[in-house]
Amino acid sequence: MHAFRDLEVAAYCPRKLYYRRRAGDPEVPDRVETVRDLAFSYEELLDVDAAVLSAPIEPDPATYRERLERARSELSIWDDLVDPAARDAYLEGREARGIAHKVLDDPPVPSLAFAGRPPEQGVWEPQSVRLVAAAKALAWEREQRVERAVAEYPAYGVIRPIDLTARRTGAYRRAVRTAESVDGPPARTDDEAKCDACEYRDECGTRTRSLRSMLG
């Protein structure tokens, strides 16, 4: 059984997954935890000036609040997002296991909070794979269909529900097959656009796909 995070890494770069497995799971940086905590403070960030002024957000406070206000007015699931049925819920499905930062009920929907920058539209494909993994694990546990998931980018005030389309499910299946097949260093590829931020770049030195191919 694969961890949600491993499937995300498999979709991002199979070679990185190989080195990650050799090194063991890294600790989650404090900054990532701090940013994820913002996803549980949206109402406070909207209503309390001191909270938004001291928060580790990327846009200016006015822009940040404008984005959250738009989400509050447009998303039917807003109330469930700010007060989820479960927080940091461990889910175990047929193929994958891991943590959903929030689980919404009626209908069941998993939500994951990502510390990084969102794309202009949609979600990054590796993150889409992780979201599908969480949705499928939740469906397996509840024994009912789960057709949506939510990507939250709390440092940016961006919340994006996604449907489990055939394309996203296909990317998830490919990531599962990749994770199952990685037992040695995968072949090098030709695009180093993602290598600069990789913690294994010194020992790997590979090149990977273009950023355009990462969008899901």
N, C-alpha and C. Protein backbone atom coordinates (compact mmCIF):
# COMPACT_ATOMS: atom_id res chain seq x y z
N MET A 1 0.85 -1.19 0.00
CA MET A 1 0.00 0.00 0.00
C MET A 1 0.88 1.24 0.00
N HIS A 2 0.47 2.25 -0.75
CA HIS A 2 1.29 3.43 -0.94
C HIS A 2 0.78 4.61 -0.11
N ALA A 3 1.69 5.41 0.39
CA ALA A 3 1.32 6.64 1.07
C ALA A 3 0.85 7.66 0.04
N PHE A 4 -0.13 8.49 0.43
CA PHE A 4 -0.58 9.54 -0.47
C PHE A 4 0.60 10.36 -0.99
N ARG A 5 1.51 10.68 -0.07
CA ARG A 5 2.65 11.52 -0.43
C ARG A 5 3.54 10.83 -1.47
N ASP A 6 3.73 9.52 -1.33
CA ASP A 6 4.56 8.80 -2.30
C ASP A 6 3.95 8.83 -3.69
N LEU A 7 2.63 8.75 -3.77
CA LEU A 7 1.98 8.81 -5.08
C LEU A 7 2.11 10.21 -5.68
N GLU A 8 2.05 11.22 -4.84
CA GLU A 8 2.28 12.59 -5.31
C GLU A 8 3.69 12.72 -5.88
N VAL A 9 4.67 12.18 -5.16
CA VAL A 9 6.06 12.26 -5.62
C VAL A 9 6.25 11.43 -6.89
N ALA A 10 5.60 10.28 -6.97
CA ALA A 10 5.71 9.44 -8.17
C ALA A 10 5.21 10.19 -9.40
N ALA A 11 4.13 10.96 -9.23
CA ALA A 11 3.61 11.75 -10.35
C ALA A 11 4.52 12.92 -10.69
N TYR A 12 5.21 13.44 -9.70
CA TYR A 12 6.11 14.58 -9.90
C TYR A 12 7.42 14.14 -10.56
N CYS A 13 8.05 13.10 -9.99
CA CYS A 13 9.32 12.62 -10.52
C CYS A 13 9.62 11.24 -9.94
N PRO A 14 9.54 10.19 -10.74
CA PRO A 14 9.81 8.84 -10.22
C PRO A 14 11.19 8.70 -9.60
N ARG A 15 12.16 9.41 -10.16
CA ARG A 15 13.52 9.31 -9.61
C ARG A 15 13.59 9.91 -8.21
N LYS A 16 12.84 10.98 -7.99
CA LYS A 16 12.78 11.56 -6.65
C LYS A 16 12.17 10.58 -5.66
N LEU A 17 11.17 9.83 -6.10
CA LEU A 17 10.57 8.83 -5.22
C LEU A 17 11.60 7.78 -4.81
N TYR A 18 12.43 7.38 -5.74
CA TYR A 18 13.48 6.39 -5.43
C TYR A 18 14.40 6.92 -4.33
N TYR A 19 14.87 8.15 -4.47
CA TYR A 19 15.78 8.70 -3.46
C TYR A 19 15.06 8.98 -2.14
N ARG A 20 13.81 9.35 -2.21
CA ARG A 20 13.03 9.58 -0.99
C ARG A 20 12.90 8.28 -0.21
N ARG A 21 12.63 7.19 -0.90
CA ARG A 21 12.50 5.91 -0.21
C ARG A 21 13.82 5.49 0.41
N ARG A 22 14.91 5.76 -0.27
CA ARG A 22 16.21 5.40 0.30
C ARG A 22 16.51 6.22 1.55
N ALA A 23 16.12 7.48 1.55
CA ALA A 23 16.45 8.37 2.67
C ALA A 23 15.46 8.25 3.83
N GLY A 24 14.27 7.73 3.56
CA GLY A 24 13.23 7.69 4.59
C GLY A 24 12.40 8.96 4.55
N ASP A 25 11.22 8.90 5.15
CA ASP A 25 10.30 10.04 5.12
C ASP A 25 10.91 11.24 5.84
N PRO A 26 10.98 12.38 5.16
CA PRO A 26 11.50 13.59 5.83
C PRO A 26 10.48 14.15 6.82
N GLU A 27 10.97 14.86 7.81
CA GLU A 27 10.07 15.54 8.74
C GLU A 27 9.39 16.70 8.04
N VAL A 28 8.14 16.96 8.42
CA VAL A 28 7.42 18.09 7.85
C VAL A 28 8.00 19.38 8.45
N PRO A 29 8.48 20.31 7.63
CA PRO A 29 9.05 21.55 8.17
C PRO A 29 8.02 22.33 8.99
N ASP A 30 8.51 23.04 10.00
CA ASP A 30 7.62 23.83 10.85
C ASP A 30 6.81 24.84 10.03
N ARG A 31 7.44 25.42 9.02
CA ARG A 31 6.73 26.42 8.22
C ARG A 31 5.52 25.80 7.52
N VAL A 32 5.68 24.57 7.03
CA VAL A 32 4.56 23.89 6.36
C VAL A 32 3.41 23.69 7.34
N GLU A 33 3.72 23.24 8.54
CA GLU A 33 2.68 23.04 9.55
C GLU A 33 1.99 24.37 9.88
N THR A 34 2.78 25.44 9.98
CA THR A 34 2.21 26.75 10.30
C THR A 34 1.26 27.21 9.21
N VAL A 35 1.66 27.01 7.96
CA VAL A 35 0.79 27.41 6.85
C VAL A 35 -0.47 26.55 6.83
N ARG A 36 -0.34 25.24 7.03
CA ARG A 36 -1.52 24.38 7.04
C ARG A 36 -2.50 24.79 8.13
N ASP A 37 -1.99 25.26 9.26
CA ASP A 37 -2.86 25.68 10.35
C ASP A 37 -3.76 26.84 9.94
N LEU A 38 -3.32 27.64 8.96
CA LEU A 38 -4.15 28.74 8.48
C LEU A 38 -5.49 28.24 7.93
N ALA A 39 -5.49 27.02 7.41
CA ALA A 39 -6.71 26.47 6.83
C ALA A 39 -7.80 26.25 7.87
N PHE A 40 -7.44 26.31 9.15
CA PHE A 40 -8.41 26.15 10.21
C PHE A 40 -8.73 27.48 10.89
N SER A 41 -8.32 28.58 10.26
CA SER A 41 -8.48 29.90 10.88
C SER A 41 -9.06 30.92 9.91
N TYR A 42 -9.77 30.46 8.88
CA TYR A 42 -10.24 31.39 7.85
C TYR A 42 -11.14 32.48 8.42
N GLU A 43 -12.08 32.10 9.27
CA GLU A 43 -13.00 33.11 9.82
C GLU A 43 -12.24 34.14 10.64
N GLU A 44 -11.29 33.70 11.44
CA GLU A 44 -10.49 34.63 12.23
C GLU A 44 -9.66 35.53 11.33
N LEU A 45 -9.10 34.96 10.27
CA LEU A 45 -8.29 35.76 9.35
C LEU A 45 -9.14 36.79 8.62
N LEU A 46 -10.41 36.50 8.42
CA LEU A 46 -11.32 37.46 7.79
C LEU A 46 -11.75 38.56 8.74
N ASP A 47 -11.89 38.23 10.01
CA ASP A 47 -12.54 39.16 10.95
C ASP A 47 -11.59 39.88 11.89
N VAL A 48 -10.39 39.33 12.11
CA VAL A 48 -9.48 39.91 13.12
C VAL A 48 -8.25 40.46 12.41
N ASP A 49 -8.07 41.76 12.47
CA ASP A 49 -6.95 42.40 11.78
C ASP A 49 -5.61 41.87 12.26
N ALA A 50 -5.45 41.73 13.57
CA ALA A 50 -4.17 41.28 14.10
C ALA A 50 -3.81 39.89 13.60
N ALA A 51 -4.82 39.06 13.40
CA ALA A 51 -4.57 37.69 12.94
C ALA A 51 -4.03 37.68 11.53
N VAL A 52 -4.66 38.43 10.64
CA VAL A 52 -4.20 38.41 9.25
C VAL A 52 -2.88 39.15 9.08
N LEU A 53 -2.65 40.17 9.90
CA LEU A 53 -1.40 40.93 9.79
C LEU A 53 -0.19 40.13 10.26
N SER A 54 -0.41 39.18 11.17
CA SER A 54 0.70 38.38 11.69
C SER A 54 0.81 37.02 11.02
N ALA A 55 -0.13 36.69 10.14
CA ALA A 55 -0.16 35.36 9.52
C ALA A 55 0.90 35.25 8.42
N PRO A 56 1.43 34.04 8.20
CA PRO A 56 2.42 33.81 7.14
C PRO A 56 1.75 33.67 5.77
N ILE A 57 1.14 34.77 5.30
CA ILE A 57 0.46 34.77 4.01
C ILE A 57 1.34 35.42 2.97
N GLU A 58 1.09 35.09 1.70
CA GLU A 58 1.92 35.61 0.61
C GLU A 58 1.39 36.90 0.01
N PRO A 59 0.09 37.02 -0.32
CA PRO A 59 -0.40 38.30 -0.83
C PRO A 59 -0.57 39.30 0.31
N ASP A 60 -0.85 40.53 -0.03
CA ASP A 60 -1.12 41.52 1.00
C ASP A 60 -2.45 41.17 1.67
N PRO A 61 -2.66 41.65 2.92
CA PRO A 61 -3.87 41.27 3.65
C PRO A 61 -5.17 41.59 2.92
N ALA A 62 -5.23 42.72 2.21
CA ALA A 62 -6.47 43.07 1.51
C ALA A 62 -6.78 42.06 0.41
N THR A 63 -5.77 41.69 -0.36
CA THR A 63 -5.96 40.70 -1.42
C THR A 63 -6.33 39.35 -0.83
N TYR A 64 -5.67 38.99 0.25
CA TYR A 64 -5.94 37.71 0.90
C TYR A 64 -7.39 37.63 1.36
N ARG A 65 -7.85 38.69 2.03
CA ARG A 65 -9.23 38.70 2.51
C ARG A 65 -10.23 38.71 1.35
N GLU A 66 -9.89 39.40 0.28
CA GLU A 66 -10.76 39.42 -0.88
C GLU A 66 -10.95 38.01 -1.44
N ARG A 67 -9.87 37.23 -1.49
CA ARG A 67 -9.96 35.86 -1.97
C ARG A 67 -10.81 34.99 -1.05
N LEU A 68 -10.60 35.13 0.25
CA LEU A 68 -11.40 34.35 1.19
C LEU A 68 -12.87 34.76 1.16
N GLU A 69 -13.13 36.06 1.01
CA GLU A 69 -14.51 36.52 0.92
C GLU A 69 -15.19 35.93 -0.31
N ARG A 70 -14.46 35.85 -1.41
CA ARG A 70 -15.02 35.27 -2.63
C ARG A 70 -15.33 33.79 -2.41
N ALA A 71 -14.40 33.09 -1.74
CA ALA A 71 -14.64 31.68 -1.46
C ALA A 71 -15.85 31.50 -0.54
N ARG A 72 -15.98 32.35 0.46
CA ARG A 72 -17.10 32.24 1.39
C ARG A 72 -18.43 32.47 0.69
N SER A 73 -18.45 33.36 -0.27
CA SER A 73 -19.70 33.66 -0.97
C SER A 73 -20.03 32.66 -2.08
N GLU A 74 -19.00 32.01 -2.64
CA GLU A 74 -19.22 31.15 -3.80
C GLU A 74 -19.27 29.67 -3.48
N LEU A 75 -18.63 29.24 -2.40
CA LEU A 75 -18.52 27.81 -2.11
C LEU A 75 -19.64 27.35 -1.19
N SER A 76 -20.42 26.39 -1.66
CA SER A 76 -21.49 25.86 -0.83
C SER A 76 -20.95 25.06 0.36
N ILE A 77 -19.68 24.64 0.26
CA ILE A 77 -19.07 23.83 1.32
C ILE A 77 -18.30 24.68 2.33
N TRP A 78 -18.43 26.00 2.25
CA TRP A 78 -17.62 26.87 3.11
C TRP A 78 -17.78 26.52 4.59
N ASP A 79 -19.02 26.39 5.06
CA ASP A 79 -19.24 26.13 6.48
C ASP A 79 -18.58 24.83 6.92
N ASP A 80 -18.61 23.82 6.04
CA ASP A 80 -17.97 22.55 6.37
C ASP A 80 -16.45 22.66 6.35
N LEU A 81 -15.92 23.53 5.49
CA LEU A 81 -14.47 23.73 5.44
C LEU A 81 -13.94 24.40 6.70
N VAL A 82 -14.68 25.37 7.22
CA VAL A 82 -14.20 26.06 8.41
C VAL A 82 -14.49 25.27 9.68
N ASP A 83 -15.41 24.33 9.61
CA ASP A 83 -15.71 23.48 10.76
C ASP A 83 -15.90 22.04 10.27
N PRO A 84 -14.80 21.39 9.87
CA PRO A 84 -14.91 20.07 9.24
C PRO A 84 -15.33 18.99 10.24
N ALA A 85 -15.89 17.93 9.70
CA ALA A 85 -16.30 16.80 10.55
C ALA A 85 -15.10 16.13 11.19
N ALA A 86 -13.96 16.11 10.49
CA ALA A 86 -12.75 15.51 11.04
C ALA A 86 -11.54 16.32 10.58
N ARG A 87 -10.54 16.36 11.42
CA ARG A 87 -9.30 17.06 11.13
C ARG A 87 -8.13 16.08 11.23
N ASP A 88 -7.20 16.18 10.26
CA ASP A 88 -6.03 15.30 10.22
C ASP A 88 -6.45 13.84 10.39
N ALA A 89 -7.37 13.43 9.53
CA ALA A 89 -7.94 12.08 9.61
C ALA A 89 -7.07 11.10 8.83
N TYR A 90 -6.73 10.00 9.47
CA TYR A 90 -6.00 8.94 8.79
C TYR A 90 -6.97 8.10 7.98
N LEU A 91 -6.69 7.96 6.69
CA LEU A 91 -7.54 7.18 5.79
C LEU A 91 -6.73 6.03 5.21
N GLU A 92 -7.34 4.89 5.11
CA GLU A 92 -6.66 3.73 4.52
C GLU A 92 -7.60 3.07 3.53
N GLY A 93 -7.19 3.08 2.27
CA GLY A 93 -7.99 2.49 1.22
C GLY A 93 -7.41 1.19 0.72
N ARG A 94 -7.83 0.79 -0.48
CA ARG A 94 -7.35 -0.46 -1.05
C ARG A 94 -5.92 -0.33 -1.57
N GLU A 95 -5.55 0.86 -2.06
CA GLU A 95 -4.24 1.06 -2.67
C GLU A 95 -3.37 2.09 -1.96
N ALA A 96 -3.99 2.97 -1.18
CA ALA A 96 -3.23 4.09 -0.62
C ALA A 96 -3.74 4.44 0.77
N ARG A 97 -2.85 5.05 1.52
CA ARG A 97 -3.18 5.47 2.88
C ARG A 97 -2.51 6.80 3.16
N GLY A 98 -3.06 7.54 4.12
CA GLY A 98 -2.44 8.80 4.47
C GLY A 98 -3.40 9.68 5.24
N ILE A 99 -3.01 10.94 5.38
CA ILE A 99 -3.76 11.91 6.17
C ILE A 99 -4.53 12.86 5.26
N ALA A 100 -5.82 13.00 5.54
CA ALA A 100 -6.61 14.08 4.96
C ALA A 100 -6.69 15.18 6.00
N HIS A 101 -6.27 16.38 5.65
CA HIS A 101 -6.25 17.46 6.63
C HIS A 101 -7.65 17.81 7.12
N LYS A 102 -8.64 17.64 6.23
CA LYS A 102 -10.04 17.80 6.63
C LYS A 102 -10.86 16.72 5.93
N VAL A 103 -11.91 16.27 6.61
CA VAL A 103 -12.91 15.42 5.98
C VAL A 103 -14.26 16.06 6.20
N LEU A 104 -14.95 16.32 5.10
CA LEU A 104 -16.29 16.89 5.14
C LEU A 104 -17.30 15.75 5.03
N ASP A 105 -18.47 15.94 5.62
CA ASP A 105 -19.52 14.92 5.56
C ASP A 105 -20.69 15.40 4.70
N ASP A 106 -21.46 14.41 4.21
CA ASP A 106 -22.76 14.64 3.57
C ASP A 106 -22.70 15.66 2.43
N PRO A 107 -22.10 15.32 1.31
CA PRO A 107 -21.41 14.06 1.01
C PRO A 107 -19.97 14.08 1.52
N PRO A 108 -19.36 12.91 1.64
CA PRO A 108 -17.97 12.87 2.11
C PRO A 108 -17.01 13.44 1.08
N VAL A 109 -16.16 14.34 1.55
CA VAL A 109 -15.17 15.00 0.68
C VAL A 109 -13.89 15.20 1.49
N PRO A 110 -12.75 14.76 0.98
CA PRO A 110 -11.49 15.05 1.66
C PRO A 110 -10.92 16.39 1.18
N SER A 111 -10.20 17.06 2.06
CA SER A 111 -9.53 18.31 1.70
C SER A 111 -8.09 18.23 2.17
N LEU A 112 -7.18 18.67 1.30
CA LEU A 112 -5.77 18.71 1.63
C LEU A 112 -5.28 20.15 1.54
N ALA A 113 -4.48 20.56 2.51
CA ALA A 113 -3.92 21.91 2.53
C ALA A 113 -2.47 21.84 2.07
N PHE A 114 -2.16 22.60 1.02
CA PHE A 114 -0.82 22.62 0.45
C PHE A 114 -0.14 23.93 0.80
N ALA A 115 1.11 23.83 1.22
CA ALA A 115 1.82 25.03 1.69
C ALA A 115 2.33 25.90 0.55
N GLY A 116 2.43 25.36 -0.65
CA GLY A 116 3.03 26.11 -1.75
C GLY A 116 2.06 26.98 -2.52
N ARG A 117 2.54 27.47 -3.65
CA ARG A 117 1.80 28.37 -4.52
C ARG A 117 0.85 27.59 -5.43
N PRO A 118 -0.37 28.07 -5.60
CA PRO A 118 -1.28 27.41 -6.54
C PRO A 118 -0.95 27.82 -7.97
N PRO A 119 -1.30 26.97 -8.95
CA PRO A 119 -1.18 27.41 -10.34
C PRO A 119 -2.24 28.45 -10.65
N GLU A 120 -2.17 29.04 -11.83
CA GLU A 120 -3.15 30.04 -12.21
C GLU A 120 -4.56 29.46 -12.23
N GLN A 121 -4.68 28.22 -12.66
CA GLN A 121 -5.97 27.54 -12.68
C GLN A 121 -5.77 26.09 -12.24
N GLY A 122 -6.84 25.51 -11.70
CA GLY A 122 -6.78 24.10 -11.33
C GLY A 122 -5.79 23.83 -10.22
N VAL A 123 -5.22 22.64 -10.24
CA VAL A 123 -4.21 22.24 -9.26
C VAL A 123 -3.06 21.58 -10.00
N TRP A 124 -1.90 21.54 -9.37
CA TRP A 124 -0.76 20.85 -9.96
C TRP A 124 -1.09 19.36 -10.07
N GLU A 125 -0.64 18.74 -11.15
CA GLU A 125 -0.98 17.33 -11.36
C GLU A 125 -0.53 16.43 -10.21
N PRO A 126 0.69 16.56 -9.68
CA PRO A 126 1.04 15.71 -8.54
C PRO A 126 0.10 15.88 -7.35
N GLN A 127 -0.34 17.11 -7.10
CA GLN A 127 -1.29 17.34 -6.02
C GLN A 127 -2.65 16.75 -6.35
N SER A 128 -3.04 16.81 -7.62
CA SER A 128 -4.27 16.17 -8.05
C SER A 128 -4.24 14.68 -7.76
N VAL A 129 -3.10 14.04 -8.02
CA VAL A 129 -2.95 12.61 -7.73
C VAL A 129 -3.13 12.35 -6.25
N ARG A 130 -2.55 13.18 -5.42
CA ARG A 130 -2.69 13.00 -3.97
C ARG A 130 -4.14 13.18 -3.53
N LEU A 131 -4.84 14.13 -4.12
CA LEU A 131 -6.24 14.35 -3.80
C LEU A 131 -7.10 13.16 -4.21
N VAL A 132 -6.85 12.60 -5.38
CA VAL A 132 -7.59 11.43 -5.82
C VAL A 132 -7.31 10.25 -4.89
N ALA A 133 -6.06 10.10 -4.47
CA ALA A 133 -5.73 9.02 -3.53
C ALA A 133 -6.52 9.16 -2.24
N ALA A 134 -6.62 10.39 -1.72
CA ALA A 134 -7.38 10.62 -0.49
C ALA A 134 -8.86 10.33 -0.70
N ALA A 135 -9.39 10.75 -1.86
CA ALA A 135 -10.81 10.52 -2.14
C ALA A 135 -11.11 9.04 -2.26
N LYS A 136 -10.25 8.30 -2.92
CA LYS A 136 -10.48 6.87 -3.09
C LYS A 136 -10.35 6.13 -1.75
N ALA A 137 -9.43 6.56 -0.92
CA ALA A 137 -9.31 5.94 0.41
C ALA A 137 -10.55 6.23 1.25
N LEU A 138 -11.03 7.45 1.17
CA LEU A 138 -12.25 7.80 1.92
C LEU A 138 -13.44 7.00 1.40
N ALA A 139 -13.54 6.84 0.08
CA ALA A 139 -14.62 6.05 -0.50
C ALA A 139 -14.55 4.59 -0.03
N TRP A 140 -13.35 4.06 0.04
CA TRP A 140 -13.16 2.67 0.49
C TRP A 140 -13.61 2.51 1.94
N GLU A 141 -13.26 3.48 2.79
CA GLU A 141 -13.64 3.40 4.20
C GLU A 141 -15.15 3.57 4.38
N ARG A 142 -15.74 4.50 3.65
CA ARG A 142 -17.16 4.79 3.82
C ARG A 142 -18.06 3.84 3.02
N GLU A 143 -17.44 3.11 2.10
CA GLU A 143 -18.19 2.22 1.21
C GLU A 143 -19.25 3.00 0.44
N GLN A 144 -18.85 4.15 -0.07
CA GLN A 144 -19.73 4.95 -0.92
C GLN A 144 -18.88 5.80 -1.84
N ARG A 145 -19.48 6.28 -2.91
CA ARG A 145 -18.75 7.06 -3.90
C ARG A 145 -18.31 8.39 -3.31
N VAL A 146 -17.10 8.78 -3.66
CA VAL A 146 -16.60 10.11 -3.35
C VAL A 146 -16.18 10.72 -4.69
N GLU A 147 -16.84 11.77 -5.07
CA GLU A 147 -16.68 12.30 -6.43
C GLU A 147 -15.93 13.61 -6.47
N ARG A 148 -15.60 14.17 -5.30
CA ARG A 148 -14.90 15.46 -5.29
C ARG A 148 -13.84 15.45 -4.19
N ALA A 149 -12.92 16.38 -4.32
CA ALA A 149 -11.93 16.65 -3.28
C ALA A 149 -11.65 18.15 -3.32
N VAL A 150 -10.96 18.63 -2.31
CA VAL A 150 -10.69 20.06 -2.22
C VAL A 150 -9.21 20.29 -2.00
N ALA A 151 -8.65 21.19 -2.80
CA ALA A 151 -7.27 21.64 -2.62
C ALA A 151 -7.31 23.03 -1.98
N GLU A 152 -6.64 23.17 -0.86
CA GLU A 152 -6.54 24.47 -0.19
C GLU A 152 -5.10 24.95 -0.23
N TYR A 153 -4.93 26.21 -0.56
CA TYR A 153 -3.62 26.86 -0.55
C TYR A 153 -3.72 28.01 0.46
N PRO A 154 -3.67 27.69 1.76
CA PRO A 154 -4.02 28.68 2.78
C PRO A 154 -3.11 29.88 2.86
N ALA A 155 -1.87 29.77 2.42
CA ALA A 155 -0.99 30.95 2.43
C ALA A 155 -1.42 31.97 1.38
N TYR A 156 -2.23 31.54 0.43
CA TYR A 156 -2.67 32.41 -0.67
C TYR A 156 -4.16 32.72 -0.62
N GLY A 157 -4.88 32.10 0.30
CA GLY A 157 -6.32 32.32 0.38
C GLY A 157 -7.08 31.70 -0.78
N VAL A 158 -6.54 30.65 -1.37
CA VAL A 158 -7.13 30.02 -2.55
C VAL A 158 -7.67 28.64 -2.16
N ILE A 159 -8.92 28.38 -2.52
CA ILE A 159 -9.57 27.10 -2.24
C ILE A 159 -10.19 26.60 -3.54
N ARG A 160 -9.82 25.40 -3.97
CA ARG A 160 -10.28 24.89 -5.26
C ARG A 160 -10.82 23.48 -5.15
N PRO A 161 -12.14 23.32 -5.17
CA PRO A 161 -12.72 21.98 -5.28
C PRO A 161 -12.42 21.41 -6.66
N ILE A 162 -12.20 20.10 -6.73
CA ILE A 162 -11.98 19.44 -8.01
C ILE A 162 -12.88 18.22 -8.10
N ASP A 163 -13.28 17.90 -9.32
CA ASP A 163 -14.02 16.67 -9.58
C ASP A 163 -13.04 15.55 -9.90
N LEU A 164 -13.41 14.34 -9.54
CA LEU A 164 -12.56 13.18 -9.86
C LEU A 164 -12.87 12.74 -11.30
N THR A 165 -12.31 13.47 -12.24
CA THR A 165 -12.55 13.20 -13.64
C THR A 165 -11.77 11.96 -14.08
N ALA A 166 -12.10 11.48 -15.28
CA ALA A 166 -11.37 10.34 -15.83
C ALA A 166 -9.89 10.68 -16.01
N ARG A 167 -9.61 11.91 -16.40
CA ARG A 167 -8.21 12.31 -16.59
C ARG A 167 -7.44 12.27 -15.28
N ARG A 168 -8.03 12.79 -14.22
CA ARG A 168 -7.35 12.79 -12.93
C ARG A 168 -7.21 11.36 -12.39
N THR A 169 -8.24 10.57 -12.56
CA THR A 169 -8.16 9.18 -12.11
C THR A 169 -7.10 8.42 -12.89
N GLY A 170 -6.98 8.72 -14.19
CA GLY A 170 -5.94 8.09 -14.99
C GLY A 170 -4.55 8.45 -14.51
N ALA A 171 -4.35 9.72 -14.15
CA ALA A 171 -3.05 10.14 -13.62
C ALA A 171 -2.75 9.43 -12.31
N TYR A 172 -3.77 9.24 -11.48
CA TYR A 172 -3.60 8.50 -10.23
C TYR A 172 -3.19 7.06 -10.51
N ARG A 173 -3.85 6.40 -11.47
CA ARG A 173 -3.51 5.02 -11.80
C ARG A 173 -2.07 4.91 -12.29
N ARG A 174 -1.64 5.87 -13.09
CA ARG A 174 -0.25 5.85 -13.58
C ARG A 174 0.72 6.01 -12.41
N ALA A 175 0.37 6.87 -11.45
CA ALA A 175 1.24 7.07 -10.30
C ALA A 175 1.34 5.80 -9.46
N VAL A 176 0.21 5.09 -9.31
CA VAL A 176 0.24 3.81 -8.57
C VAL A 176 1.16 2.82 -9.28
N ARG A 177 1.04 2.72 -10.59
CA ARG A 177 1.90 1.79 -11.33
C ARG A 177 3.36 2.21 -11.21
N THR A 178 3.62 3.50 -11.25
CA THR A 178 5.00 3.98 -11.10
C THR A 178 5.55 3.62 -9.74
N ALA A 179 4.77 3.89 -8.69
CA ALA A 179 5.23 3.60 -7.33
C ALA A 179 5.50 2.11 -7.15
N GLU A 180 4.71 1.29 -7.80
CA GLU A 180 4.90 -0.16 -7.67
C GLU A 180 6.13 -0.64 -8.43
N SER A 181 6.54 0.09 -9.46
CA SER A 181 7.63 -0.37 -10.31
C SER A 181 9.00 0.18 -9.91
N VAL A 182 9.05 1.17 -9.03
CA VAL A 182 10.32 1.80 -8.67
C VAL A 182 11.06 0.93 -7.67
N ASP A 183 12.06 0.17 -8.15
CA ASP A 183 12.92 -0.60 -7.26
C ASP A 183 14.39 -0.31 -7.51
N GLY A 184 14.64 0.62 -8.40
CA GLY A 184 15.99 1.12 -8.69
C GLY A 184 15.84 2.51 -9.27
N PRO A 185 16.94 3.23 -9.49
CA PRO A 185 16.82 4.60 -10.01
C PRO A 185 16.19 4.60 -11.40
N PRO A 186 15.04 5.27 -11.58
CA PRO A 186 14.45 5.37 -12.92
C PRO A 186 15.38 6.11 -13.88
N ALA A 187 15.12 5.93 -15.16
CA ALA A 187 15.96 6.57 -16.17
C ALA A 187 15.90 8.09 -16.06
N ARG A 188 17.00 8.73 -16.40
CA ARG A 188 17.04 10.18 -16.40
C ARG A 188 16.20 10.73 -17.55
N THR A 189 15.65 11.93 -17.34
CA THR A 189 14.90 12.61 -18.39
C THR A 189 15.59 13.93 -18.71
N ASP A 190 14.96 14.77 -19.51
CA ASP A 190 15.68 15.86 -20.16
C ASP A 190 15.38 17.28 -19.67
N ASP A 191 14.43 17.47 -18.77
CA ASP A 191 14.03 18.82 -18.38
C ASP A 191 14.31 19.04 -16.90
N GLU A 192 15.19 19.97 -16.58
CA GLU A 192 15.58 20.18 -15.18
C GLU A 192 14.79 21.29 -14.51
N ALA A 193 13.61 21.63 -15.03
CA ALA A 193 12.82 22.74 -14.48
C ALA A 193 12.46 22.53 -13.02
N LYS A 194 12.29 21.29 -12.60
CA LYS A 194 11.88 21.04 -11.21
C LYS A 194 13.03 20.63 -10.30
N CYS A 195 14.22 20.55 -10.85
CA CYS A 195 15.33 20.00 -10.06
C CYS A 195 15.90 20.98 -9.04
N ASP A 196 15.79 22.29 -9.31
CA ASP A 196 16.46 23.27 -8.46
C ASP A 196 16.01 23.18 -7.01
N ALA A 197 14.72 22.91 -6.79
CA ALA A 197 14.20 22.87 -5.42
C ALA A 197 14.22 21.48 -4.82
N CYS A 198 14.70 20.49 -5.55
CA CYS A 198 14.66 19.11 -5.06
C CYS A 198 15.79 18.85 -4.07
N GLU A 199 15.46 18.26 -2.94
CA GLU A 199 16.46 18.01 -1.91
C GLU A 199 17.45 16.92 -2.29
N TYR A 200 17.17 16.19 -3.38
CA TYR A 200 18.06 15.10 -3.80
C TYR A 200 18.86 15.46 -5.06
N ARG A 201 18.85 16.71 -5.46
CA ARG A 201 19.46 17.08 -6.74
C ARG A 201 20.96 16.81 -6.77
N ASP A 202 21.64 16.95 -5.66
CA ASP A 202 23.09 16.76 -5.67
C ASP A 202 23.48 15.31 -5.95
N GLU A 203 22.73 14.37 -5.40
CA GLU A 203 23.06 12.97 -5.63
C GLU A 203 22.37 12.41 -6.87
N CYS A 204 21.37 13.12 -7.37
CA CYS A 204 20.61 12.62 -8.51
C CYS A 204 21.08 13.25 -9.81
N GLY A 205 20.97 14.57 -9.90
CA GLY A 205 21.40 15.27 -11.10
C GLY A 205 20.55 15.02 -12.31
N THR A 206 19.30 14.59 -12.11
CA THR A 206 18.45 14.29 -13.26
C THR A 206 17.73 15.53 -13.76
N ARG A 207 17.08 15.38 -14.89
CA ARG A 207 16.21 16.40 -15.43
C ARG A 207 14.82 15.80 -15.59
N THR A 208 13.81 16.66 -15.40
CA THR A 208 12.44 16.14 -15.39
C THR A 208 11.54 16.94 -16.30
N ARG A 209 10.23 16.67 -16.21
CA ARG A 209 9.27 17.25 -17.14
C ARG A 209 9.15 18.76 -17.00
N SER A 210 8.52 19.39 -17.99
CA SER A 210 8.27 20.82 -17.96
C SER A 210 7.15 21.14 -16.96
N LEU A 211 7.11 22.39 -16.50
CA LEU A 211 6.05 22.80 -15.58
C LEU A 211 4.68 22.69 -16.23
N ARG A 212 4.61 22.93 -17.54
CA ARG A 212 3.31 22.85 -18.21
C ARG A 212 2.67 21.47 -18.04
N SER A 213 3.50 20.43 -18.03
CA SER A 213 2.96 19.07 -17.93
C SER A 213 2.52 18.74 -16.52
N MET A 214 2.83 19.62 -15.55
CA MET A 214 2.47 19.34 -14.15
C MET A 214 1.03 19.72 -13.82
N LEU A 215 0.37 20.50 -14.66
CA LEU A 215 -0.97 20.95 -14.34
C LEU A 215 -1.98 19.83 -14.52
N GLY A 216 -2.87 19.67 -13.55
CA GLY A 216 -3.90 18.66 -13.62
C GLY A 216 -5.27 19.28 -13.67
